[in-house]
Protein backbone atom coordinates (compact mmCIF):
# COMPACT_ATOMS: atom_id res chain seq x y z
CA MET A 1 -99.39 -24.28 -34.26
CA ALA A 2 -97.86 -21.37 -32.65
CA GLU A 3 -100.44 -21.45 -29.62
CA ALA A 4 -99.35 -24.97 -29.00
CA ALA A 5 -95.85 -24.31 -29.05
CA ALA A 6 -96.44 -21.78 -26.29
CA LYS A 7 -98.49 -23.86 -24.17
CA SER A 8 -95.66 -26.26 -24.34
CA ARG A 9 -92.48 -23.66 -23.95
CA TRP A 10 -92.19 -24.17 -20.21
CA ALA A 11 -93.67 -27.62 -19.81
CA GLY A 12 -89.91 -28.84 -17.95
CA ASP A 13 -91.74 -29.08 -15.01
CA ALA A 14 -95.65 -29.45 -16.05
CA ALA A 15 -95.16 -32.35 -18.15
CA ARG A 16 -93.47 -34.51 -15.56
CA ASP A 17 -95.91 -33.08 -12.36
CA GLU A 18 -99.56 -32.30 -13.66
CA SER A 19 -100.43 -31.94 -10.03
CA LEU A 20 -100.77 -28.36 -8.45
CA MET A 21 -98.88 -27.45 -5.46
CA SER A 22 -99.44 -25.12 -2.61
CA ILE A 23 -96.93 -21.87 -1.91
CA GLY A 24 -95.41 -24.22 0.86
CA GLU A 25 -94.72 -27.03 -1.43
CA VAL A 26 -93.34 -24.70 -3.55
CA LEU A 27 -91.33 -23.18 -1.12
CA ALA A 28 -89.82 -26.77 -0.01
CA HIS A 29 -88.77 -27.75 -3.36
CA LEU A 30 -87.16 -24.61 -4.18
CA ARG A 31 -85.23 -24.25 -1.05
CA VAL A 32 -83.24 -27.29 -1.94
CA ASP A 33 -81.24 -25.11 -4.76
CA PHE A 34 -82.30 -21.79 -3.26
CA PRO A 35 -82.12 -21.79 0.71
CA ASP A 36 -82.87 -18.07 1.46
CA THR A 37 -85.92 -18.12 -0.23
CA THR A 38 -89.58 -17.19 1.90
CA ILE A 39 -92.78 -17.30 1.11
CA SER A 40 -92.70 -13.14 1.19
CA LYS A 41 -90.44 -13.59 -1.91
CA LEU A 42 -92.71 -15.91 -3.50
CA ARG A 43 -95.38 -13.48 -2.78
CA PHE A 44 -93.34 -10.44 -3.93
CA LEU A 45 -92.36 -11.94 -7.45
CA GLU A 46 -96.16 -12.51 -8.02
CA SER A 47 -97.10 -9.02 -7.17
CA GLU A 48 -94.28 -8.19 -9.74
CA GLY A 49 -96.17 -10.56 -12.80
CA LEU A 50 -93.48 -13.02 -12.98
CA VAL A 51 -95.46 -15.67 -11.96
CA GLU A 52 -99.26 -16.25 -12.18
CA PRO A 53 -100.41 -19.11 -9.74
CA ARG A 54 -104.04 -20.17 -9.99
CA ARG A 55 -106.44 -19.39 -7.04
CA THR A 56 -109.00 -21.68 -5.35
CA ALA A 57 -112.69 -20.53 -4.41
CA SER A 58 -110.95 -20.04 -1.03
CA GLY A 59 -108.61 -17.70 -2.74
CA TYR A 60 -105.30 -19.93 -1.87
CA ARG A 61 -102.52 -19.89 -4.42
CA LYS A 62 -101.77 -23.27 -6.55
CA PHE A 63 -98.78 -23.43 -8.55
CA SER A 64 -98.41 -25.68 -11.17
CA GLY A 65 -95.11 -26.99 -12.71
CA GLU A 66 -94.48 -24.29 -14.91
CA ASP A 67 -94.61 -21.63 -12.48
CA VAL A 68 -92.07 -23.50 -10.81
CA ALA A 69 -89.91 -23.47 -13.74
CA ARG A 70 -90.79 -19.58 -14.14
CA LEU A 71 -89.71 -19.32 -10.63
CA ARG A 72 -86.67 -21.36 -10.89
CA TYR A 73 -85.76 -19.04 -14.04
CA VAL A 74 -86.16 -15.82 -11.83
CA LEU A 75 -84.39 -16.93 -8.71
CA THR A 76 -81.08 -18.45 -10.86
CA ALA A 77 -80.95 -15.14 -12.86
CA GLN A 78 -81.24 -13.38 -9.50
CA ARG A 79 -78.70 -15.28 -8.30
CA ASP A 80 -75.95 -15.97 -10.89
CA GLN A 81 -76.11 -12.85 -12.83
CA TYR A 82 -77.43 -10.15 -10.48
CA LEU A 83 -80.11 -9.54 -12.93
CA PRO A 84 -82.65 -6.86 -11.94
CA LEU A 85 -86.29 -8.03 -12.01
CA ARG A 86 -87.02 -5.37 -15.29
CA VAL A 87 -84.53 -7.40 -17.16
CA ILE A 88 -85.65 -10.99 -15.94
CA ARG A 89 -89.13 -10.00 -16.80
CA GLU A 90 -88.27 -8.82 -20.56
CA HIS A 91 -86.34 -12.22 -20.61
CA LEU A 92 -89.64 -14.17 -19.46
CA ALA A 93 -91.45 -12.37 -22.09
CA ALA A 94 -89.17 -13.27 -24.82
CA LEU A 95 -88.93 -16.64 -24.08
CA ASP A 96 -92.72 -16.65 -24.01
CA ARG A 97 -92.71 -15.53 -27.47
CA GLY A 98 -90.26 -18.03 -28.74
CA GLU A 99 -87.43 -15.88 -28.76
CA GLY A 100 -83.92 -16.16 -27.81
CA ILE A 101 -82.46 -13.88 -25.15
CA PRO A 102 -78.86 -12.37 -24.82
CA THR A 103 -76.69 -13.52 -21.93
CA PRO A 104 -73.53 -11.88 -20.70
CA SER A 105 -70.42 -13.70 -21.30
CA PRO A 106 -67.06 -12.33 -19.91
CA VAL A 107 -65.42 -13.88 -22.85
CA GLY A 108 -66.23 -13.73 -26.71
CA GLY A 109 -69.02 -10.95 -26.19
CA PRO A 110 -73.08 -11.92 -25.63
CA ARG A 111 -74.80 -15.41 -26.60
CA LEU A 112 -78.33 -16.43 -27.45
CA LEU A 113 -79.94 -18.42 -24.72
CA ARG A 114 -83.07 -20.35 -26.60
CA PRO A 115 -86.07 -21.65 -25.11
CA PRO A 116 -87.10 -24.24 -24.02
CA LEU A 117 -85.51 -23.90 -20.62
CA SER A 118 -85.04 -27.15 -18.61
CA ALA A 119 -87.28 -26.46 -15.62
CA VAL A 120 -84.33 -27.86 -13.43
CA GLY A 121 -81.25 -25.75 -13.12
CA ALA A 122 -81.58 -24.54 -16.77
CA GLN A 123 -80.03 -21.13 -16.29
CA ARG A 124 -77.17 -22.80 -14.17
CA ARG A 125 -75.98 -24.76 -17.15
CA SER A 126 -76.30 -21.90 -19.28
CA ALA A 127 -73.82 -20.02 -16.88
CA GLU A 128 -71.46 -23.14 -16.80
CA GLU A 129 -71.33 -23.26 -20.09
CA ASP A 130 -70.10 -19.80 -20.27
CA GLY A 131 -67.31 -20.83 -18.22
CA ARG A 132 -68.30 -18.83 -15.33
CA GLY A 133 -70.44 -21.41 -13.16
CA ALA A 134 -72.55 -20.77 -10.56
CA GLN A 135 -71.36 -17.39 -8.88
CA GLN A 136 -72.48 -17.37 -5.11
CA PRO A 137 -74.39 -14.38 -3.51
CA ASP A 138 -71.16 -13.83 -1.20
CA SER A 139 -68.54 -14.01 -4.05
CA ARG A 140 -66.62 -10.72 -4.21
CA LEU A 141 -65.62 -8.67 -7.32
CA THR A 142 -62.32 -6.50 -8.33
CA ARG A 143 -62.77 -3.10 -9.16
CA ALA A 144 -62.02 -3.43 -12.59
CA GLU A 145 -64.72 -6.73 -12.72
CA LEU A 146 -67.28 -4.36 -11.09
CA LEU A 147 -67.01 -1.66 -13.47
CA SER A 148 -67.22 -4.46 -16.36
CA ARG A 149 -70.48 -5.92 -15.12
CA ALA A 150 -71.95 -3.11 -13.69
CA GLY A 151 -71.48 -1.19 -17.23
CA LEU A 152 -70.23 1.76 -15.91
CA GLY A 153 -67.17 4.24 -16.14
CA GLU A 154 -64.45 5.13 -13.12
CA GLU A 155 -66.00 8.62 -12.62
CA LEU A 156 -69.35 7.31 -12.09
CA LEU A 157 -67.89 4.56 -9.70
CA ARG A 158 -65.90 7.01 -7.67
CA ASP A 159 -69.11 9.59 -7.27
CA LEU A 160 -71.25 6.59 -5.93
CA GLU A 161 -68.52 5.86 -3.46
CA ARG A 162 -68.21 9.40 -2.73
CA TYR A 163 -71.82 9.71 -1.91
CA GLY A 164 -71.40 6.32 0.45
CA LEU A 165 -73.87 4.50 -2.25
CA VAL A 166 -70.96 1.86 -2.79
CA SER A 167 -68.70 0.93 -1.10
CA ALA A 168 -65.36 -1.74 -1.24
CA SER A 169 -64.84 -4.19 1.78
CA GLY A 170 -61.51 -5.89 2.59
CA ALA A 171 -59.06 -6.06 -0.16
CA ASP A 172 -60.80 -3.83 -2.29
CA ARG A 173 -63.40 -6.19 -3.26
CA TYR A 174 -67.19 -5.62 -4.14
CA ASP A 175 -70.07 -7.74 -3.00
CA ALA A 176 -73.55 -8.44 -5.13
CA ASP A 177 -75.26 -5.52 -3.28
CA ALA A 178 -72.39 -3.17 -4.75
CA LEU A 179 -73.20 -4.96 -8.17
CA GLU A 180 -77.02 -4.03 -7.87
CA VAL A 181 -76.28 -0.43 -7.08
CA ALA A 182 -73.73 0.18 -9.60
CA THR A 183 -75.81 -1.46 -12.03
CA ALA A 184 -78.62 0.64 -11.11
CA ALA A 185 -76.91 3.75 -11.02
CA ALA A 186 -75.14 3.30 -14.59
CA GLN A 187 -78.72 2.58 -15.96
CA LEU A 188 -80.02 5.54 -14.10
CA ALA A 189 -77.21 7.66 -15.49
CA VAL A 190 -78.69 7.13 -19.01
CA PHE A 191 -81.79 9.33 -18.02
CA GLY A 192 -79.87 11.99 -16.39
CA VAL A 193 -79.86 10.86 -12.77
CA GLU A 194 -76.50 11.30 -10.92
CA PRO A 195 -75.14 10.21 -7.97
CA ARG A 196 -75.75 13.08 -6.00
CA HIS A 197 -79.01 12.65 -6.87
CA LEU A 198 -79.55 9.22 -5.21
CA ARG A 199 -78.14 10.79 -1.69
CA ALA A 200 -81.67 10.87 -0.40
CA TYR A 201 -81.49 6.67 -0.89
CA ARG A 202 -78.29 6.50 1.19
CA ALA A 203 -80.34 8.78 4.05
CA ALA A 204 -83.58 6.38 3.62
CA ALA A 205 -81.51 3.28 3.86
CA ASP A 206 -79.72 4.19 6.80
CA ARG A 207 -83.02 5.08 8.55
CA GLU A 208 -84.41 1.64 7.39
CA ILE A 209 -81.72 0.00 8.87
CA GLY A 210 -81.95 1.55 12.17
CA LEU A 211 -85.55 0.74 12.47
CA LEU A 212 -85.31 -3.13 11.20
CA GLY A 213 -82.23 -3.70 13.53
CA GLN A 214 -84.13 -2.54 16.26
CA LEU A 215 -86.98 -4.92 15.18
CA VAL A 216 -84.40 -7.86 15.02
CA ALA A 217 -81.84 -7.15 17.64
CA PRO A 218 -83.34 -8.86 20.49
CA MET A 219 -83.96 -12.06 18.45
CA ALA A 220 -80.06 -11.82 17.45
CA ARG A 221 -78.99 -11.94 20.77
CA GLN A 222 -80.48 -14.86 21.78
CA PRO A 223 -77.97 -17.59 21.93
CA GLY A 224 -77.71 -20.68 19.24
CA PRO A 225 -77.68 -20.70 15.70
CA ALA A 226 -81.66 -21.19 15.76
CA ALA A 227 -81.90 -17.83 16.96
CA ARG A 228 -79.47 -16.10 13.85
CA ALA A 229 -81.50 -18.36 11.82
CA ARG A 230 -84.83 -16.96 12.55
CA ALA A 231 -83.38 -13.42 12.67
CA ALA A 232 -82.21 -13.39 9.45
CA GLU A 233 -85.36 -15.03 7.99
CA THR A 234 -87.33 -12.41 9.86
CA LEU A 235 -84.90 -9.29 8.41
CA ARG A 236 -85.44 -10.79 4.60
CA GLU A 237 -89.44 -10.69 5.41
CA LEU A 238 -89.53 -7.30 7.05
CA THR A 239 -86.95 -5.79 4.10
CA ALA A 240 -89.31 -7.35 1.34
CA LEU A 241 -92.29 -5.64 3.01
CA THR A 242 -90.77 -2.44 3.04
CA GLU A 243 -89.67 -2.63 -0.31
CA ARG A 244 -93.23 -3.37 -1.47
CA ILE A 245 -94.51 -0.25 0.41
CA HIS A 246 -91.68 1.93 -1.03
CA ALA A 247 -92.78 0.59 -4.61
CA ALA A 248 -96.06 0.96 -4.02
CA LEU A 249 -95.70 4.82 -2.34
CA VAL A 250 -93.72 5.69 -5.60
CA ARG A 251 -96.13 4.29 -7.82
CA ALA A 252 -99.25 6.16 -6.38
CA GLY A 253 -97.17 9.33 -6.33
CA LEU A 254 -96.21 9.26 -9.90
CA ARG A 255 -99.93 8.37 -10.86
CA GLN A 256 -100.89 11.63 -8.97
CA MET A 257 -98.28 13.78 -10.60
CA LEU A 258 -99.17 12.50 -14.03
CA GLY A 259 -103.08 12.86 -13.04
CA ARG A 260 -103.74 9.45 -13.83
């Protein structure tokens, strides 16, 4: 019975659509709600083990309705809750086991989200039930909101700002990227990693900004919104690729260090 329940857990889309989809078809479906999604993004999520599409004899990816449901969950959790992939992976594993997962709520403490999830917009609806609604990526947080959402103290935030890792925009507001950095820094602090140890990441990011900026600048200078859209899409794909290289190099170096 447990096996049957596990098989049906992600059946929101699968029960409705038994056919398999190509990666391009999946992208078309997801872009309705997630317009910034790219094929590189989907491949990256696959490489991180968040979805496992089938492969044809020729090596082409084929996605089921269950795969699409998982991708929707991942993209919604990133967009609406700014959750890192590590946490999302843990949530998916808990859902696969039939467990509830804690979802942060600004009022009344954490609540439990229970499977099964609806394939379309389930995470967004749970956020709306919390009274938060779907927070857009360009929304801005006050300093107090950033401290609360990231789970860090004032002193740590001041150090992050001093080393150029986090900065406020106009009206002393912080964007989604500032929240991402602050959240990761708060979690790293548990392991004894301080903001001063992260200065190298700021320097590396600046070098990458210069490199990628040079690559897309000619495209961005062309007139018209279509050119700007192509430049933005190219930049997203380049960023995803450089993130993959960075992660692979770190993994390889750690394996060598640990003798594995």
